[in-house]
Amino acid sequence: MELYCHRVLCVCVIACMAAKLFRVREQLLIVKVALEDIKKGNLNRRVLARENDMIKDI
């Protein structure tokens, strides 16, 4: 029973980390598109980030 609980906990942790990585990947793709627009001359392009987003420093 104890081994089963550990496995469930590990699966939950891995799922949470995978979801966070997926969100960061999406955010980085948005930043990439915005930077490409700025490079093309669209200086009005902005990226909004929440206080807890990992991309807020970019």
N, C-alpha and C. Protein backbone atom coordinates (compact mmCIF):
# COMPACT_ATOMS: atom_id res chain seq x y z
N MET A 1 0.82 -1.19 0.00
CA MET A 1 0.00 0.00 0.00
C MET A 1 0.86 1.25 0.00
N GLU A 2 1.94 1.23 0.80
CA GLU A 2 2.81 2.39 0.88
C GLU A 2 3.50 2.65 -0.47
N LEU A 3 3.90 1.59 -1.15
CA LEU A 3 4.53 1.73 -2.46
C LEU A 3 3.55 2.34 -3.46
N TYR A 4 2.30 1.95 -3.37
CA TYR A 4 1.26 2.50 -4.26
C TYR A 4 1.11 4.00 -4.03
N CYS A 5 1.11 4.44 -2.79
CA CYS A 5 0.99 5.87 -2.47
C CYS A 5 2.18 6.65 -3.02
N HIS A 6 3.36 6.10 -2.92
CA HIS A 6 4.55 6.77 -3.45
C HIS A 6 4.46 6.91 -4.97
N ARG A 7 3.99 5.87 -5.61
CA ARG A 7 3.86 5.93 -7.08
C ARG A 7 2.83 6.97 -7.50
N VAL A 8 1.72 7.02 -6.79
CA VAL A 8 0.69 8.01 -7.10
C VAL A 8 1.23 9.41 -6.89
N LEU A 9 1.95 9.61 -5.80
CA LEU A 9 2.56 10.91 -5.52
C LEU A 9 3.55 11.30 -6.61
N CYS A 10 4.38 10.37 -7.02
CA CYS A 10 5.35 10.64 -8.09
C CYS A 10 4.66 11.00 -9.40
N VAL A 11 3.61 10.29 -9.74
CA VAL A 11 2.87 10.58 -10.96
C VAL A 11 2.25 11.97 -10.89
N CYS A 12 1.72 12.34 -9.73
CA CYS A 12 1.13 13.67 -9.56
C CYS A 12 2.18 14.77 -9.71
N VAL A 13 3.34 14.57 -9.10
CA VAL A 13 4.42 15.55 -9.20
C VAL A 13 4.88 15.69 -10.65
N ILE A 14 5.05 14.58 -11.33
CA ILE A 14 5.48 14.62 -12.73
C ILE A 14 4.43 15.32 -13.59
N ALA A 15 3.17 15.06 -13.35
CA ALA A 15 2.10 15.71 -14.12
C ALA A 15 2.09 17.21 -13.89
N CYS A 16 2.28 17.64 -12.66
CA CYS A 16 2.32 19.07 -12.36
C CYS A 16 3.51 19.75 -13.04
N MET A 17 4.65 19.11 -12.99
CA MET A 17 5.83 19.69 -13.62
C MET A 17 5.69 19.74 -15.13
N ALA A 18 5.09 18.73 -15.72
CA ALA A 18 4.87 18.72 -17.17
C ALA A 18 3.91 19.83 -17.56
N ALA A 19 2.87 20.05 -16.77
CA ALA A 19 1.92 21.13 -17.06
C ALA A 19 2.60 22.48 -16.98
N LYS A 20 3.46 22.68 -15.99
CA LYS A 20 4.19 23.95 -15.86
C LYS A 20 5.12 24.16 -17.04
N LEU A 21 5.82 23.12 -17.46
CA LEU A 21 6.70 23.22 -18.62
C LEU A 21 5.91 23.56 -19.89
N PHE A 22 4.74 23.00 -20.03
CA PHE A 22 3.90 23.29 -21.18
C PHE A 22 3.49 24.76 -21.20
N ARG A 23 3.11 25.29 -20.03
CA ARG A 23 2.74 26.71 -19.96
C ARG A 23 3.91 27.62 -20.28
N VAL A 24 5.09 27.29 -19.78
CA VAL A 24 6.29 28.09 -20.06
C VAL A 24 6.61 28.05 -21.54
N ARG A 25 6.47 26.89 -22.14
CA ARG A 25 6.73 26.75 -23.58
C ARG A 25 5.79 27.64 -24.39
N GLU A 26 4.50 27.65 -24.01
CA GLU A 26 3.53 28.52 -24.70
C GLU A 26 3.89 29.98 -24.53
N GLN A 27 4.30 30.38 -23.33
CA GLN A 27 4.66 31.76 -23.07
C GLN A 27 5.89 32.16 -23.88
N LEU A 28 6.85 31.27 -23.97
CA LEU A 28 8.05 31.57 -24.76
C LEU A 28 7.74 31.70 -26.24
N LEU A 29 6.79 30.92 -26.73
CA LEU A 29 6.39 31.05 -28.13
C LEU A 29 5.75 32.42 -28.38
N ILE A 30 4.96 32.91 -27.42
CA ILE A 30 4.36 34.23 -27.54
C ILE A 30 5.43 35.31 -27.56
N VAL A 31 6.43 35.18 -26.70
CA VAL A 31 7.53 36.15 -26.66
C VAL A 31 8.31 36.10 -27.97
N LYS A 32 8.52 34.91 -28.50
CA LYS A 32 9.26 34.77 -29.76
C LYS A 32 8.54 35.50 -30.89
N VAL A 33 7.23 35.34 -30.98
CA VAL A 33 6.45 36.02 -32.02
C VAL A 33 6.53 37.53 -31.84
N ALA A 34 6.43 37.99 -30.60
CA ALA A 34 6.51 39.43 -30.34
C ALA A 34 7.88 39.98 -30.72
N LEU A 35 8.94 39.25 -30.40
CA LEU A 35 10.28 39.71 -30.76
C LEU A 35 10.49 39.73 -32.27
N GLU A 36 9.90 38.77 -32.97
CA GLU A 36 9.99 38.78 -34.42
C GLU A 36 9.26 39.99 -35.00
N ASP A 37 8.10 40.34 -34.43
CA ASP A 37 7.38 41.53 -34.87
C ASP A 37 8.20 42.79 -34.63
N ILE A 38 8.84 42.88 -33.48
CA ILE A 38 9.67 44.04 -33.17
C ILE A 38 10.84 44.13 -34.14
N LYS A 39 11.42 43.00 -34.46
CA LYS A 39 12.55 42.96 -35.39
C LYS A 39 12.12 43.44 -36.79
N LYS A 40 10.87 43.13 -37.15
CA LYS A 40 10.35 43.56 -38.45
C LYS A 40 9.96 45.04 -38.47
N GLY A 41 9.97 45.71 -37.32
CA GLY A 41 9.68 47.13 -37.27
C GLY A 41 8.41 47.50 -36.53
N ASN A 42 7.68 46.54 -36.03
CA ASN A 42 6.46 46.83 -35.28
C ASN A 42 6.84 47.09 -33.83
N LEU A 43 7.14 48.35 -33.50
CA LEU A 43 7.60 48.69 -32.16
C LEU A 43 6.45 48.82 -31.16
N ASN A 44 5.23 48.70 -31.63
CA ASN A 44 4.07 48.80 -30.74
C ASN A 44 3.71 47.47 -30.11
N ARG A 45 4.44 46.44 -30.41
CA ARG A 45 4.13 45.10 -29.90
C ARG A 45 4.58 44.98 -28.46
N ARG A 46 3.71 44.48 -27.60
CA ARG A 46 4.03 44.30 -26.18
C ARG A 46 3.61 42.90 -25.75
N VAL A 47 4.29 42.40 -24.72
CA VAL A 47 3.94 41.12 -24.12
C VAL A 47 3.56 41.39 -22.67
N LEU A 48 2.36 41.00 -22.30
CA LEU A 48 1.91 41.17 -20.93
C LEU A 48 2.17 39.89 -20.15
N ALA A 49 2.68 40.05 -18.96
CA ALA A 49 2.97 38.89 -18.11
C ALA A 49 2.42 39.14 -16.71
N ARG A 50 1.93 38.10 -16.11
CA ARG A 50 1.46 38.19 -14.73
C ARG A 50 2.65 38.21 -13.78
N GLU A 51 2.39 38.60 -12.56
CA GLU A 51 3.46 38.69 -11.56
C GLU A 51 4.12 37.34 -11.30
N ASN A 52 3.36 36.24 -11.40
CA ASN A 52 3.92 34.92 -11.10
C ASN A 52 4.38 34.17 -12.34
N ASP A 53 4.37 34.80 -13.52
CA ASP A 53 4.84 34.14 -14.73
C ASP A 53 6.36 34.05 -14.74
N MET A 54 6.86 32.98 -15.28
CA MET A 54 8.31 32.80 -15.33
C MET A 54 8.96 33.71 -16.38
N ILE A 55 8.17 34.25 -17.30
CA ILE A 55 8.73 35.09 -18.35
C ILE A 55 8.68 36.57 -18.01
N LYS A 56 8.27 36.93 -16.80
CA LYS A 56 8.09 38.33 -16.46
C LYS A 56 9.40 39.12 -16.56
N ASP A 57 10.55 38.48 -16.38
CA ASP A 57 11.83 39.17 -16.47
C ASP A 57 12.24 39.47 -17.90
N ILE A 58 11.67 38.74 -18.84
CA ILE A 58 11.99 38.96 -20.25
C ILE A 58 11.33 40.23 -20.69
